[in-house]
Protein backbone atom coordinates (compact mmCIF):
# COMPACT_ATOMS: atom_id res chain seq x y z
CA MET A 1 12.61 -15.29 14.13
CA GLU A 2 14.30 -12.11 13.04
CA GLU A 3 14.48 -13.26 9.44
CA LEU A 4 10.84 -12.34 9.02
CA GLN A 5 11.51 -8.82 10.20
CA VAL A 6 14.31 -8.43 7.66
CA TYR A 7 11.98 -9.63 4.93
CA LEU A 8 9.41 -7.03 5.93
CA GLU A 9 12.01 -4.29 5.93
CA LEU A 10 13.16 -5.30 2.46
CA ASP A 11 9.61 -5.29 1.20
CA ARG A 12 9.14 -1.79 2.57
CA SER A 13 12.43 -0.64 1.06
CA GLN A 14 11.41 -1.91 -2.36
CA GLN A 15 8.13 0.00 -2.14
CA HIS A 16 10.15 3.18 -1.68
CA ASP A 17 10.47 3.33 -5.45
């Protein structure tokens, strides 16, 4: 279930705008 963690990281990276 690491896919969820990757999704969360991506979401956080996108918010770094």
